[in-house]
Amino acid sequence: MPKKFLIRVPASTANLGPGFDALGAALSLHLVLTATLTPKVATTITYTGPTPCSTVPLHPFLNMITRTAIYLATAHNTTLPRMALHIANPIPLGRGLGSSGAAVVGGLVLANLACGLGLDKARLLDHCIAFEGHPDNVAASLFGGAVAGLMVRDVRQVHVDLCKWESDVEELAAADAEGAGPVPPVPALEAGPIGLHVRVPVSEAIRCVVVVPRFELSTKLARSVLPETYSRPDVVFNLSRTAVLVAALGAATPNPVIIREAMRDRVHQYYRRSLVPGMSDVLEMADVEGLLGVCVSGSGPTAIAFATAGFEEIGAKMRTIFGKAVGADGEGSTAGGSRQDP
């Protein structure tokens, strides 16, 4: 078995327009894990990235990457090997760019390699969904490219149980314990897949412009503003636009009129835009050459524009709109759609 592993996991954007919890795409910004097995030395974790080191947990039971890896190892009746793990993570946390999804994917891939489990990506996706509760971000980070995902089975109780397991594991960190920790809940994978995905073809002409406001927005808060039920017209509104958007993104010559209308939404963006000053105006942008459409990335606060030209101008206008809004400012970068597998 190799003693050193290099793992690259792309950031992701999800909930694309009307595709709530269903559509995602990998971006050319990567979490990079470098792991060297150290059988005779306790596990160590080091970190580099824009998030202050003092706020990134470096204990194996507290760090999301190693905790996820410990879960997969324990679920397969083995122990995650001791290692020196370096985490290089340029993905901003809590900004709607799939930071937690990338961490979960990275941890599962790490355990799969370090423990020699031999799991294929379809099985890894099931474990990812058990942690995240939805397939869009994790499928994009695991498989690369643009994806559409669905849930075959309800794993909400497993997700709740996993959160409890994570809490129990965190308590072990206070005692500086080492090892597998308590046995985690494992979804009944023998009953069939939890989630399925397909690649969504995207025109080579399309690039993404990402603008990240300088504040975090928790997924929990962003989900709390969503209603429990939706009207039939709103459901039909989103279903029709999701179908059209998936087809329109793959056209050799993307149609801005079709894509802009197809990126409208009444399920999540409609309710979440009030959480991000300036977002309503950003979503309505239409007068920039090359712009196809704008949507909230993940649960926000990041906005992502799809475009074929004028990338700098689009980014500048988005930053200006955010900057004029009270309490919001944005820093932007252009990112092409990544098709690299972790």
C-alpha atoms as a PDB file:
ATOM      1  CA  MET A   1       0.000   0.000   0.000  1.00  0.00           C
ATOM      2  CA  PRO A   2       1.345   3.486  -0.821  1.00  0.00           C
ATOM      3  CA  LYS A   3       2.619   5.491   2.126  1.00  0.00           C
ATOM      4  CA  LYS A   4       1.791   8.911   0.676  1.00  0.00           C
ATOM      5  CA  PHE A   5      -1.387  10.231  -0.916  1.00  0.00           C
ATOM      6  CA  LEU A   6      -2.227  13.451  -2.767  1.00  0.00           C
ATOM      7  CA  ILE A   7      -5.928  14.248  -3.038  1.00  0.00           C
ATOM      8  CA  ARG A   8      -7.459  17.216  -4.901  1.00  0.00           C
ATOM      9  CA  VAL A   9     -11.125  18.028  -4.354  1.00  0.00           C
ATOM     10  CA  PRO A  10     -12.814  20.865  -6.258  1.00  0.00           C
ATOM     11  CA  ALA A  11     -15.028  23.482  -4.684  1.00  0.00           C
ATOM     12  CA  SER A  12     -18.575  23.464  -5.961  1.00  0.00           C
ATOM     13  CA  THR A  13     -21.581  25.604  -6.632  1.00  0.00           C
ATOM     14  CA  ALA A  14     -25.018  24.109  -6.061  1.00  0.00           C
ATOM     15  CA  ASN A  15     -28.763  24.805  -6.050  1.00  0.00           C
ATOM     16  CA  LEU A  16     -28.193  26.313  -9.485  1.00  0.00           C
ATOM     17  CA  GLY A  17     -31.134  28.596 -10.198  1.00  0.00           C
ATOM     18  CA  PRO A  18     -34.246  26.401  -9.910  1.00  0.00           C
ATOM     19  CA  GLY A  19     -32.202  23.237  -9.211  1.00  0.00           C
ATOM     20  CA  PHE A  20     -32.531  23.266  -5.420  1.00  0.00           C
ATOM     21  CA  ASP A  21     -30.708  20.291  -3.841  1.00  0.00           C
ATOM     22  CA  ALA A  22     -30.371  18.797  -7.342  1.00  0.00           C
ATOM     23  CA  LEU A  23     -27.941  20.684  -9.625  1.00  0.00           C
ATOM     24  CA  GLY A  24     -24.277  21.312  -8.866  1.00  0.00           C
ATOM     25  CA  ALA A  25     -21.009  22.040 -10.630  1.00  0.00           C
ATOM     26  CA  ALA A  26     -17.353  21.740  -9.701  1.00  0.00           C
ATOM     27  CA  LEU A  27     -15.189  24.873  -9.839  1.00  0.00           C
ATOM     28  CA  SER A  28     -11.487  25.380 -10.505  1.00  0.00           C
ATOM     29  CA  LEU A  29     -10.637  25.975  -6.851  1.00  0.00           C
ATOM     30  CA  HIS A  30      -9.292  22.934  -5.021  1.00  0.00           C
ATOM     31  CA  LEU A  31      -8.898  21.570  -1.520  1.00  0.00           C
ATOM     32  CA  VAL A  32      -5.563  19.698  -1.562  1.00  0.00           C
ATOM     33  CA  LEU A  33      -4.719  16.991   0.975  1.00  0.00           C
ATOM     34  CA  THR A  34      -1.210  15.588   1.337  1.00  0.00           C
ATOM     35  CA  ALA A  35      -1.100  12.571   3.640  1.00  0.00           C
ATOM     36  CA  THR A  36       1.985  10.601   4.675  1.00  0.00           C
ATOM     37  CA  LEU A  37       1.430   7.483   6.769  1.00  0.00           C
ATOM     38  CA  THR A  38       3.377   7.539  10.055  1.00  0.00           C
ATOM     39  CA  PRO A  39       2.696   4.213  11.843  1.00  0.00           C
ATOM     40  CA  LYS A  40       4.960   4.992  14.809  1.00  0.00           C
ATOM     41  CA  VAL A  41       3.981   8.633  15.297  1.00  0.00           C
ATOM     42  CA  ALA A  42       0.591  10.041  16.308  1.00  0.00           C
ATOM     43  CA  THR A  43      -1.477  11.771  13.651  1.00  0.00           C
ATOM     44  CA  THR A  44      -0.649  15.426  13.048  1.00  0.00           C
ATOM     45  CA  ILE A  45      -2.582  17.958  10.992  1.00  0.00           C
ATOM     46  CA  THR A  46      -1.247  21.186   9.496  1.00  0.00           C
ATOM     47  CA  TYR A  47      -3.171  23.782   7.527  1.00  0.00           C
ATOM     48  CA  THR A  48      -2.676  26.628   5.071  1.00  0.00           C
ATOM     49  CA  GLY A  49      -5.434  28.772   3.619  1.00  0.00           C
ATOM     50  CA  PRO A  50      -7.311  32.081   3.909  1.00  0.00           C
ATOM     51  CA  THR A  51      -9.177  31.039   7.057  1.00  0.00           C
ATOM     52  CA  PRO A  52      -7.107  31.921  10.169  1.00  0.00           C
ATOM     53  CA  CYS A  53      -5.233  28.864  11.442  1.00  0.00           C
ATOM     54  CA  SER A  54      -6.491  29.557  14.959  1.00  0.00           C
ATOM     55  CA  THR A  55     -10.065  28.816  13.842  1.00  0.00           C
ATOM     56  CA  VAL A  56      -9.322  25.561  11.977  1.00  0.00           C
ATOM     57  CA  PRO A  57      -9.515  22.482  14.264  1.00  0.00           C
ATOM     58  CA  LEU A  58      -6.355  20.382  13.991  1.00  0.00           C
ATOM     59  CA  HIS A  59      -7.344  17.490  16.258  1.00  0.00           C
ATOM     60  CA  PRO A  60      -8.343  14.366  14.260  1.00  0.00           C
ATOM     61  CA  PHE A  61     -11.695  14.162  16.074  1.00  0.00           C
ATOM     62  CA  LEU A  62     -12.474  17.848  15.522  1.00  0.00           C
ATOM     63  CA  ASN A  63     -11.303  18.433  11.962  1.00  0.00           C
ATOM     64  CA  MET A  64     -14.119  17.656   9.527  1.00  0.00           C
ATOM     65  CA  ILE A  65     -11.812  15.936   7.036  1.00  0.00           C
ATOM     66  CA  THR A  66     -10.217  13.489   9.464  1.00  0.00           C
ATOM     67  CA  ARG A  67     -13.452  13.002  11.395  1.00  0.00           C
ATOM     68  CA  THR A  68     -15.155  11.945   8.170  1.00  0.00           C
ATOM     69  CA  ALA A  69     -12.231   9.647   7.401  1.00  0.00           C
ATOM     70  CA  ILE A  70     -12.490   8.112  10.885  1.00  0.00           C
ATOM     71  CA  TYR A  71     -16.204   7.531  10.255  1.00  0.00           C
ATOM     72  CA  LEU A  72     -15.586   5.560   7.061  1.00  0.00           C
ATOM     73  CA  ALA A  73     -12.757   3.530   8.571  1.00  0.00           C
ATOM     74  CA  THR A  74     -14.792   2.688  11.680  1.00  0.00           C
ATOM     75  CA  ALA A  75     -17.833   1.836   9.577  1.00  0.00           C
ATOM     76  CA  HIS A  76     -15.692  -0.808   7.874  1.00  0.00           C
ATOM     77  CA  ASN A  77     -14.350  -2.263  11.129  1.00  0.00           C
ATOM     78  CA  THR A  78     -10.888  -0.819  10.771  1.00  0.00           C
ATOM     79  CA  THR A  79      -8.872   2.116  12.102  1.00  0.00           C
ATOM     80  CA  LEU A  80      -7.663   5.124  10.174  1.00  0.00           C
ATOM     81  CA  PRO A  81      -3.848   4.823  10.029  1.00  0.00           C
ATOM     82  CA  ARG A  82      -1.724   7.397  11.776  1.00  0.00           C
ATOM     83  CA  MET A  83      -0.517  10.039   9.381  1.00  0.00           C
ATOM     84  CA  ALA A  84       0.939  13.471   8.855  1.00  0.00           C
ATOM     85  CA  LEU A  85      -1.815  15.344   7.026  1.00  0.00           C
ATOM     86  CA  HIS A  86      -1.381  18.745   5.418  1.00  0.00           C
ATOM     87  CA  ILE A  87      -4.516  20.581   4.368  1.00  0.00           C
ATOM     88  CA  ALA A  88      -4.206  23.348   1.782  1.00  0.00           C
ATOM     89  CA  ASN A  89      -7.660  24.850   1.473  1.00  0.00           C
ATOM     90  CA  PRO A  90      -8.339  28.029  -0.513  1.00  0.00           C
ATOM     91  CA  ILE A  91     -12.116  27.430  -0.411  1.00  0.00           C
ATOM     92  CA  PRO A  92     -13.708  30.087   1.827  1.00  0.00           C
ATOM     93  CA  LEU A  93     -15.838  28.668   4.628  1.00  0.00           C
ATOM     94  CA  GLY A  94     -19.541  29.409   4.948  1.00  0.00           C
ATOM     95  CA  ARG A  95     -19.768  31.249   1.631  1.00  0.00           C
ATOM     96  CA  GLY A  96     -21.768  28.866  -0.557  1.00  0.00           C
ATOM     97  CA  LEU A  97     -18.844  27.261  -2.397  1.00  0.00           C
ATOM     98  CA  GLY A  98     -19.202  23.757  -1.002  1.00  0.00           C
ATOM     99  CA  SER A  99     -16.492  23.927   1.665  1.00  0.00           C
ATOM    100  CA  SER A 100     -18.155  21.307   3.873  1.00  0.00           C
ATOM    101  CA  GLY A 101     -18.960  19.087   0.907  1.00  0.00           C
ATOM    102  CA  ALA A 102     -15.343  19.212  -0.262  1.00  0.00           C
ATOM    103  CA  ALA A 103     -14.172  18.334   3.254  1.00  0.00           C
ATOM    104  CA  VAL A 104     -16.527  15.348   3.407  1.00  0.00           C
ATOM    105  CA  VAL A 105     -15.435  14.112  -0.022  1.00  0.00           C
ATOM    106  CA  GLY A 106     -11.777  14.622   0.896  1.00  0.00           C
ATOM    107  CA  GLY A 107     -12.147  12.715   4.160  1.00  0.00           C
ATOM    108  CA  LEU A 108     -13.937   9.778   2.573  1.00  0.00           C
ATOM    109  CA  VAL A 109     -11.441   9.521  -0.295  1.00  0.00           C
ATOM    110  CA  LEU A 110      -8.592   9.730   2.239  1.00  0.00           C
ATOM    111  CA  ALA A 111      -9.974   6.841   4.300  1.00  0.00           C
ATOM    112  CA  ASN A 112     -10.738   4.810   1.195  1.00  0.00           C
ATOM    113  CA  LEU A 113      -7.107   5.093   0.077  1.00  0.00           C
ATOM    114  CA  ALA A 114      -5.347   4.924   3.446  1.00  0.00           C
ATOM    115  CA  CYS A 115      -7.366   1.917   4.623  1.00  0.00           C
ATOM    116  CA  GLY A 116      -7.399   0.161   1.266  1.00  0.00           C
ATOM    117  CA  LEU A 117     -11.189  -0.155   1.327  1.00  0.00           C
ATOM    118  CA  GLY A 118     -11.582  -0.302  -2.442  1.00  0.00           C
ATOM    119  CA  LEU A 119     -14.943   1.493  -2.507  1.00  0.00           C
ATOM    120  CA  ASP A 120     -16.090   2.847  -5.852  1.00  0.00           C
ATOM    121  CA  LYS A 121     -17.333   6.408  -6.248  1.00  0.00           C
ATOM    122  CA  ALA A 122     -20.982   5.363  -6.325  1.00  0.00           C
ATOM    123  CA  ARG A 123     -20.621   3.920  -2.833  1.00  0.00           C
ATOM    124  CA  LEU A 124     -18.615   6.937  -1.654  1.00  0.00           C
ATOM    125  CA  LEU A 125     -21.446   9.168  -2.898  1.00  0.00           C
ATOM    126  CA  ASP A 126     -23.874   7.315  -0.633  1.00  0.00           C
ATOM    127  CA  HIS A 127     -21.669   8.014   2.384  1.00  0.00           C
ATOM    128  CA  CYS A 128     -21.300  11.655   1.275  1.00  0.00           C
ATOM    129  CA  ILE A 129     -25.071  12.074   1.129  1.00  0.00           C
ATOM    130  CA  ALA A 130     -25.460  10.542   4.581  1.00  0.00           C
ATOM    131  CA  PHE A 131     -23.232  13.336   5.905  1.00  0.00           C
ATOM    132  CA  GLU A 132     -24.524  16.248   3.821  1.00  0.00           C
ATOM    133  CA  GLY A 133     -28.177  15.274   3.430  1.00  0.00           C
ATOM    134  CA  HIS A 134     -28.318  16.153  -0.283  1.00  0.00           C
ATOM    135  CA  PRO A 135     -26.322  15.156  -3.383  1.00  0.00           C
ATOM    136  CA  ASP A 136     -25.613  18.338  -5.350  1.00  0.00           C
ATOM    137  CA  ASN A 137     -22.389  19.713  -3.795  1.00  0.00           C
ATOM    138  CA  VAL A 138     -20.818  16.364  -2.961  1.00  0.00           C
ATOM    139  CA  ALA A 139     -21.596  14.795  -6.337  1.00  0.00           C
ATOM    140  CA  ALA A 140     -19.970  17.745  -8.102  1.00  0.00           C
ATOM    141  CA  SER A 141     -16.878  17.577  -5.880  1.00  0.00           C
ATOM    142  CA  LEU A 142     -16.634  13.779  -6.138  1.00  0.00           C
ATOM    143  CA  PHE A 143     -17.191  13.350  -9.876  1.00  0.00           C
ATOM    144  CA  GLY A 144     -16.237  16.771 -11.251  1.00  0.00           C
ATOM    145  CA  GLY A 145     -18.048  18.774 -13.929  1.00  0.00           C
ATOM    146  CA  ALA A 146     -21.705  19.715 -13.746  1.00  0.00           C
ATOM    147  CA  VAL A 147     -24.075  17.140 -12.272  1.00  0.00           C
ATOM    148  CA  ALA A 148     -27.711  16.478 -11.522  1.00  0.00           C
ATOM    149  CA  GLY A 149     -28.364  14.338  -8.465  1.00  0.00           C
ATOM    150  CA  LEU A 150     -31.336  12.752  -6.775  1.00  0.00           C
ATOM    151  CA  MET A 151     -32.147  10.951  -3.540  1.00  0.00           C
ATOM    152  CA  VAL A 152     -33.356   7.374  -3.897  1.00  0.00           C
ATOM    153  CA  ARG A 153     -33.947   6.894  -0.172  1.00  0.00           C
ATOM    154  CA  ASP A 154     -34.619   9.164   2.783  1.00  0.00           C
ATOM    155  CA  VAL A 155     -31.561   9.271   5.057  1.00  0.00           C
ATOM    156  CA  ARG A 156     -32.656  12.088   7.343  1.00  0.00           C
ATOM    157  CA  GLN A 157     -32.510   9.885  10.433  1.00  0.00           C
ATOM    158  CA  VAL A 158     -29.036   8.630   9.524  1.00  0.00           C
ATOM    159  CA  HIS A 159     -27.986  12.253   9.027  1.00  0.00           C
ATOM    160  CA  VAL A 160     -29.337  13.164  12.475  1.00  0.00           C
ATOM    161  CA  ASP A 161     -27.609  10.153  14.024  1.00  0.00           C
ATOM    162  CA  LEU A 162     -24.340  11.101  12.326  1.00  0.00           C
ATOM    163  CA  CYS A 163     -24.556  14.595  13.796  1.00  0.00           C
ATOM    164  CA  LYS A 164     -24.971  12.993  17.236  1.00  0.00           C
ATOM    165  CA  TRP A 165     -21.989  10.709  16.553  1.00  0.00           C
ATOM    166  CA  GLU A 166     -19.895  13.732  15.567  1.00  0.00           C
ATOM    167  CA  SER A 167     -20.837  15.398  18.852  1.00  0.00           C
ATOM    168  CA  ASP A 168     -19.807  12.285  20.796  1.00  0.00           C
ATOM    169  CA  VAL A 169     -16.519  12.098  18.914  1.00  0.00           C
ATOM    170  CA  GLU A 170     -15.780  15.751  19.659  1.00  0.00           C
ATOM    171  CA  GLU A 171     -15.996  14.989  23.376  1.00  0.00           C
ATOM    172  CA  LEU A 172     -13.083  12.582  22.985  1.00  0.00           C
ATOM    173  CA  ALA A 173     -10.910  15.423  21.732  1.00  0.00           C
ATOM    174  CA  ALA A 174     -11.024  17.056  25.162  1.00  0.00           C
ATOM    175  CA  ALA A 175      -9.287  13.979  26.574  1.00  0.00           C
ATOM    176  CA  ASP A 176      -6.851  13.985  23.643  1.00  0.00           C
ATOM    177  CA  ALA A 177      -7.970  10.445  22.878  1.00  0.00           C
ATOM    178  CA  GLU A 178      -6.768   8.556  19.846  1.00  0.00           C
ATOM    179  CA  GLY A 179      -8.305   5.739  17.857  1.00  0.00           C
ATOM    180  CA  ALA A 180     -11.624   5.021  16.222  1.00  0.00           C
ATOM    181  CA  GLY A 181     -13.984   6.464  18.806  1.00  0.00           C
ATOM    182  CA  PRO A 182     -17.603   5.302  19.152  1.00  0.00           C
ATOM    183  CA  VAL A 183     -19.110   3.194  16.371  1.00  0.00           C
ATOM    184  CA  PRO A 184     -20.892   5.521  13.915  1.00  0.00           C
ATOM    185  CA  PRO A 185     -24.337   4.944  12.414  1.00  0.00           C
ATOM    186  CA  VAL A 186     -24.033   3.528   8.909  1.00  0.00           C
ATOM    187  CA  PRO A 187     -26.758   3.763   6.258  1.00  0.00           C
ATOM    188  CA  ALA A 188     -28.176   0.424   5.102  1.00  0.00           C
ATOM    189  CA  LEU A 189     -26.276   0.393   1.833  1.00  0.00           C
ATOM    190  CA  GLU A 190     -27.223  -3.205   1.122  1.00  0.00           C
ATOM    191  CA  ALA A 191     -30.753  -1.931   0.430  1.00  0.00           C
ATOM    192  CA  GLY A 192     -29.507  -0.174  -2.696  1.00  0.00           C
ATOM    193  CA  PRO A 193     -28.095   3.250  -3.535  1.00  0.00           C
ATOM    194  CA  ILE A 194     -28.976   6.294  -1.497  1.00  0.00           C
ATOM    195  CA  GLY A 195     -28.361   8.713  -4.334  1.00  0.00           C
ATOM    196  CA  LEU A 196     -27.823   8.716  -8.082  1.00  0.00           C
ATOM    197  CA  HIS A 197     -26.237  11.274 -10.382  1.00  0.00           C
ATOM    198  CA  VAL A 198     -25.707  12.042 -14.058  1.00  0.00           C
ATOM    199  CA  ARG A 199     -23.317  14.412 -15.785  1.00  0.00           C
ATOM    200  CA  VAL A 200     -24.879  17.551 -17.230  1.00  0.00           C
ATOM    201  CA  PRO A 201     -23.207  18.620 -20.487  1.00  0.00           C
ATOM    202  CA  VAL A 202     -22.129  22.269 -20.396  1.00  0.00           C
ATOM    203  CA  SER A 203     -21.031  24.297 -23.402  1.00  0.00           C
ATOM    204  CA  GLU A 204     -17.283  24.888 -23.601  1.00  0.00           C
ATOM    205  CA  ALA A 205     -18.128  28.566 -24.136  1.00  0.00           C
ATOM    206  CA  ILE A 206     -19.552  28.979 -20.623  1.00  0.00           C
ATOM    207  CA  ARG A 207     -17.448  30.199 -17.710  1.00  0.00           C
ATOM    208  CA  CYS A 208     -18.432  31.192 -14.193  1.00  0.00           C
ATOM    209  CA  VAL A 209     -17.824  34.516 -12.477  1.00  0.00           C
ATOM    210  CA  VAL A 210     -17.918  34.156  -8.701  1.00  0.00           C
ATOM    211  CA  VAL A 211     -18.300  37.090  -6.317  1.00  0.00           C
ATOM    212  CA  VAL A 212     -17.934  36.367  -2.605  1.00  0.00           C
ATOM    213  CA  PRO A 213     -19.323  38.890  -0.071  1.00  0.00           C
ATOM    214  CA  ARG A 214     -17.110  39.338   2.999  1.00  0.00           C
ATOM    215  CA  PHE A 215     -19.360  37.606   5.513  1.00  0.00           C
ATOM    216  CA  GLU A 216     -20.450  34.054   6.227  1.00  0.00           C
ATOM    217  CA  LEU A 217     -23.972  32.675   5.936  1.00  0.00           C
ATOM    218  CA  SER A 218     -24.666  29.355   7.613  1.00  0.00           C
ATOM    219  CA  THR A 219     -26.590  26.707   5.716  1.00  0.00           C
ATOM    220  CA  LYS A 220     -28.754  26.228   8.813  1.00  0.00           C
ATOM    221  CA  LEU A 221     -29.858  29.871   8.766  1.00  0.00           C
ATOM    222  CA  ALA A 222     -30.365  29.837   5.002  1.00  0.00           C
ATOM    223  CA  ARG A 223     -32.584  26.756   5.264  1.00  0.00           C
ATOM    224  CA  SER A 224     -34.554  28.181   8.179  1.00  0.00           C
ATOM    225  CA  VAL A 225     -36.131  30.866   5.976  1.00  0.00           C
ATOM    226  CA  LEU A 226     -37.546  28.336   3.516  1.00  0.00           C
ATOM    227  CA  PRO A 227     -41.225  27.370   3.808  1.00  0.00           C
ATOM    228  CA  GLU A 228     -42.306  23.850   4.724  1.00  0.00           C
ATOM    229  CA  THR A 229     -44.690  23.625   1.747  1.00  0.00           C
ATOM    230  CA  TYR A 230     -44.956  25.194  -1.713  1.00  0.00           C
ATOM    231  CA  SER A 231     -47.885  25.963  -3.991  1.00  0.00           C
ATOM    232  CA  ARG A 232     -48.426  23.935  -7.141  1.00  0.00           C
ATOM    233  CA  PRO A 233     -47.717  26.942  -9.423  1.00  0.00           C
ATOM    234  CA  ASP A 234     -44.364  27.507  -7.703  1.00  0.00           C
ATOM    235  CA  VAL A 235     -43.430  23.833  -8.026  1.00  0.00           C
ATOM    236  CA  VAL A 236     -44.335  23.828 -11.727  1.00  0.00           C
ATOM    237  CA  PHE A 237     -42.421  27.102 -12.159  1.00  0.00           C
ATOM    238  CA  ASN A 238     -39.237  25.439 -10.883  1.00  0.00           C
ATOM    239  CA  LEU A 239     -39.731  22.071 -12.576  1.00  0.00           C
ATOM    240  CA  SER A 240     -40.150  23.630 -16.009  1.00  0.00           C
ATOM    241  CA  ARG A 241     -37.132  25.892 -15.596  1.00  0.00           C
ATOM    242  CA  THR A 242     -34.913  23.118 -14.274  1.00  0.00           C
ATOM    243  CA  ALA A 243     -35.695  20.986 -17.330  1.00  0.00           C
ATOM    244  CA  VAL A 244     -35.010  23.859 -19.711  1.00  0.00           C
ATOM    245  CA  LEU A 245     -31.833  24.955 -17.901  1.00  0.00           C
ATOM    246  CA  VAL A 246     -30.252  21.486 -18.071  1.00  0.00           C
ATOM    247  CA  ALA A 247     -30.874  21.353 -21.818  1.00  0.00           C
ATOM    248  CA  ALA A 248     -29.867  24.963 -22.489  1.00  0.00           C
ATOM    249  CA  LEU A 249     -26.489  24.759 -20.730  1.00  0.00           C
ATOM    250  CA  GLY A 250     -25.310  22.129 -23.205  1.00  0.00           C
ATOM    251  CA  ALA A 251     -26.108  24.069 -26.369  1.00  0.00           C
ATOM    252  CA  ALA A 252     -23.048  24.783 -28.520  1.00  0.00           C
ATOM    253  CA  THR A 253     -24.144  28.423 -28.670  1.00  0.00           C
ATOM    254  CA  PRO A 254     -25.782  29.260 -25.319  1.00  0.00           C
ATOM    255  CA  ASN A 255     -28.944  31.351 -25.580  1.00  0.00           C
ATOM    256  CA  PRO A 256     -28.907  34.166 -22.981  1.00  0.00           C
ATOM    257  CA  VAL A 257     -32.661  34.775 -23.177  1.00  0.00           C
ATOM    258  CA  ILE A 258     -33.485  31.145 -22.456  1.00  0.00           C
ATOM    259  CA  ILE A 259     -30.826  30.616 -19.779  1.00  0.00           C
ATOM    260  CA  ARG A 260     -31.619  33.835 -17.936  1.00  0.00           C
ATOM    261  CA  GLU A 261     -35.300  32.930 -17.691  1.00  0.00           C
ATOM    262  CA  ALA A 262     -34.508  29.301 -16.846  1.00  0.00           C
ATOM    263  CA  MET A 263     -32.335  30.379 -13.895  1.00  0.00           C
ATOM    264  CA  ARG A 264     -35.264  32.029 -12.112  1.00  0.00           C
ATOM    265  CA  ASP A 265     -36.511  30.333  -8.965  1.00  0.00           C
ATOM    266  CA  ARG A 266     -39.367  30.343  -6.460  1.00  0.00           C
ATOM    267  CA  VAL A 267     -38.133  27.659  -4.051  1.00  0.00           C
ATOM    268  CA  HIS A 268     -34.979  28.985  -2.386  1.00  0.00           C
ATOM    269  CA  GLN A 269     -33.480  32.150  -3.918  1.00  0.00           C
ATOM    270  CA  TYR A 270     -36.797  33.948  -3.614  1.00  0.00           C
ATOM    271  CA  TYR A 271     -36.650  33.544   0.181  1.00  0.00           C
ATOM    272  CA  ARG A 272     -32.897  33.711   0.779  1.00  0.00           C
ATOM    273  CA  ARG A 273     -32.100  36.868  -1.160  1.00  0.00           C
ATOM    274  CA  SER A 274     -33.159  39.031   1.792  1.00  0.00           C
ATOM    275  CA  LEU A 275     -30.306  37.499   3.839  1.00  0.00           C
ATOM    276  CA  VAL A 276     -27.717  39.019   1.488  1.00  0.00           C
ATOM    277  CA  PRO A 277     -27.893  42.799   0.945  1.00  0.00           C
ATOM    278  CA  GLY A 278     -27.715  43.531  -2.772  1.00  0.00           C
ATOM    279  CA  MET A 279     -28.508  39.980  -3.895  1.00  0.00           C
ATOM    280  CA  SER A 280     -31.907  40.870  -5.377  1.00  0.00           C
ATOM    281  CA  ASP A 281     -30.296  43.403  -7.721  1.00  0.00           C
ATOM    282  CA  VAL A 282     -27.441  41.046  -8.609  1.00  0.00           C
ATOM    283  CA  LEU A 283     -29.913  38.325  -9.591  1.00  0.00           C
ATOM    284  CA  GLU A 284     -31.682  40.742 -11.943  1.00  0.00           C
ATOM    285  CA  MET A 285     -28.521  41.788 -13.829  1.00  0.00           C
ATOM    286  CA  ALA A 286     -29.096  41.566 -17.578  1.00  0.00           C
ATOM    287  CA  ASP A 287     -27.399  44.413 -19.432  1.00  0.00           C
ATOM    288  CA  VAL A 288     -23.812  43.135 -19.695  1.00  0.00           C
ATOM    289  CA  GLU A 289     -22.564  41.595 -22.929  1.00  0.00           C
ATOM    290  CA  GLY A 290     -21.829  37.892 -22.547  1.00  0.00           C
ATOM    291  CA  LEU A 291     -23.934  37.443 -19.401  1.00  0.00           C
ATOM    292  CA  LEU A 292     -26.251  34.424 -19.460  1.00  0.00           C
ATOM    293  CA  GLY A 293     -27.686  34.535 -15.956  1.00  0.00           C
ATOM    294  CA  VAL A 294     -26.936  34.904 -12.252  1.00  0.00           C
ATOM    295  CA  CYS A 295     -27.916  32.761  -9.284  1.00  0.00           C
ATOM    296  CA  VAL A 296     -27.100  32.266  -5.621  1.00  0.00           C
ATOM    297  CA  SER A 297     -24.244  29.806  -5.143  1.00  0.00           C
ATOM    298  CA  GLY A 298     -25.228  27.121  -2.661  1.00  0.00           C
ATOM    299  CA  SER A 299     -27.043  28.736   0.245  1.00  0.00           C
ATOM    300  CA  GLY A 300     -25.132  32.012  -0.235  1.00  0.00           C
ATOM    301  CA  PRO A 301     -23.911  34.631   0.292  1.00  0.00           C
ATOM    302  CA  THR A 302     -21.848  34.078  -2.887  1.00  0.00           C
ATOM    303  CA  ALA A 303     -23.364  34.936  -6.255  1.00  0.00           C
ATOM    304  CA  ILE A 304     -22.312  33.129  -9.417  1.00  0.00           C
ATOM    305  CA  ALA A 305     -22.811  34.334 -12.978  1.00  0.00           C
ATOM    306  CA  PHE A 306     -22.738  32.161 -16.080  1.00  0.00           C
ATOM    307  CA  ALA A 307     -21.219  33.964 -19.040  1.00  0.00           C
ATOM    308  CA  THR A 308     -19.562  33.563 -22.430  1.00  0.00           C
ATOM    309  CA  ALA A 309     -17.690  36.897 -22.473  1.00  0.00           C
ATOM    310  CA  GLY A 310     -17.240  40.109 -20.490  1.00  0.00           C
ATOM    311  CA  PHE A 311     -16.094  38.255 -17.385  1.00  0.00           C
ATOM    312  CA  GLU A 312     -14.229  41.174 -15.793  1.00  0.00           C
ATOM    313  CA  GLU A 313     -17.061  43.613 -16.477  1.00  0.00           C
ATOM    314  CA  ILE A 314     -19.630  41.209 -15.040  1.00  0.00           C
ATOM    315  CA  GLY A 315     -17.561  40.662 -11.905  1.00  0.00           C
ATOM    316  CA  ALA A 316     -17.007  44.396 -11.474  1.00  0.00           C
ATOM    317  CA  LYS A 317     -20.714  45.151 -11.761  1.00  0.00           C
ATOM    318  CA  MET A 318     -21.609  42.452  -9.236  1.00  0.00           C
ATOM    319  CA  ARG A 319     -19.033  43.829  -6.788  1.00  0.00           C
ATOM    320  CA  THR A 320     -20.368  47.350  -7.271  1.00  0.00           C
ATOM    321  CA  ILE A 321     -23.930  46.270  -6.518  1.00  0.00           C
ATOM    322  CA  PHE A 322     -22.862  44.409  -3.383  1.00  0.00           C
ATOM    323  CA  GLY A 323     -20.665  47.334  -2.365  1.00  0.00           C
ATOM    324  CA  LYS A 324     -23.539  49.805  -2.553  1.00  0.00           C
ATOM    325  CA  ALA A 325     -25.760  47.617  -0.394  1.00  0.00           C
ATOM    326  CA  VAL A 326     -25.629  48.394   3.303  1.00  0.00           C
ATOM    327  CA  GLY A 327     -23.343  46.021   5.175  1.00  0.00           C
ATOM    328  CA  ALA A 328     -22.163  44.100   2.118  1.00  0.00           C
ATOM    329  CA  ASP A 329     -19.036  44.096   0.020  1.00  0.00           C
ATOM    330  CA  GLY A 330     -17.724  41.590  -2.448  1.00  0.00           C
ATOM    331  CA  GLU A 331     -14.446  40.340  -3.740  1.00  0.00           C
ATOM    332  CA  GLY A 332     -14.618  38.494  -7.038  1.00  0.00           C
ATOM    333  CA  SER A 333     -12.709  36.011  -9.111  1.00  0.00           C
ATOM    334  CA  THR A 334     -13.322  34.264 -12.399  1.00  0.00           C
ATOM    335  CA  ALA A 335     -13.432  30.457 -12.266  1.00  0.00           C
ATOM    336  CA  GLY A 336     -13.871  28.010 -15.124  1.00  0.00           C
ATOM    337  CA  GLY A 337     -15.886  24.850 -14.645  1.00  0.00           C
ATOM    338  CA  SER A 338     -13.577  22.133 -13.335  1.00  0.00           C
ATOM    339  CA  ARG A 339     -13.813  18.596 -14.695  1.00  0.00           C
ATOM    340  CA  GLN A 340     -11.057  17.107 -12.548  1.00  0.00           C
ATOM    341  CA  ASP A 341     -11.844  14.184 -10.305  1.00  0.00           C
ATOM    342  CA  PRO A 342     -10.488  14.198  -6.732  1.00  0.00           C
END
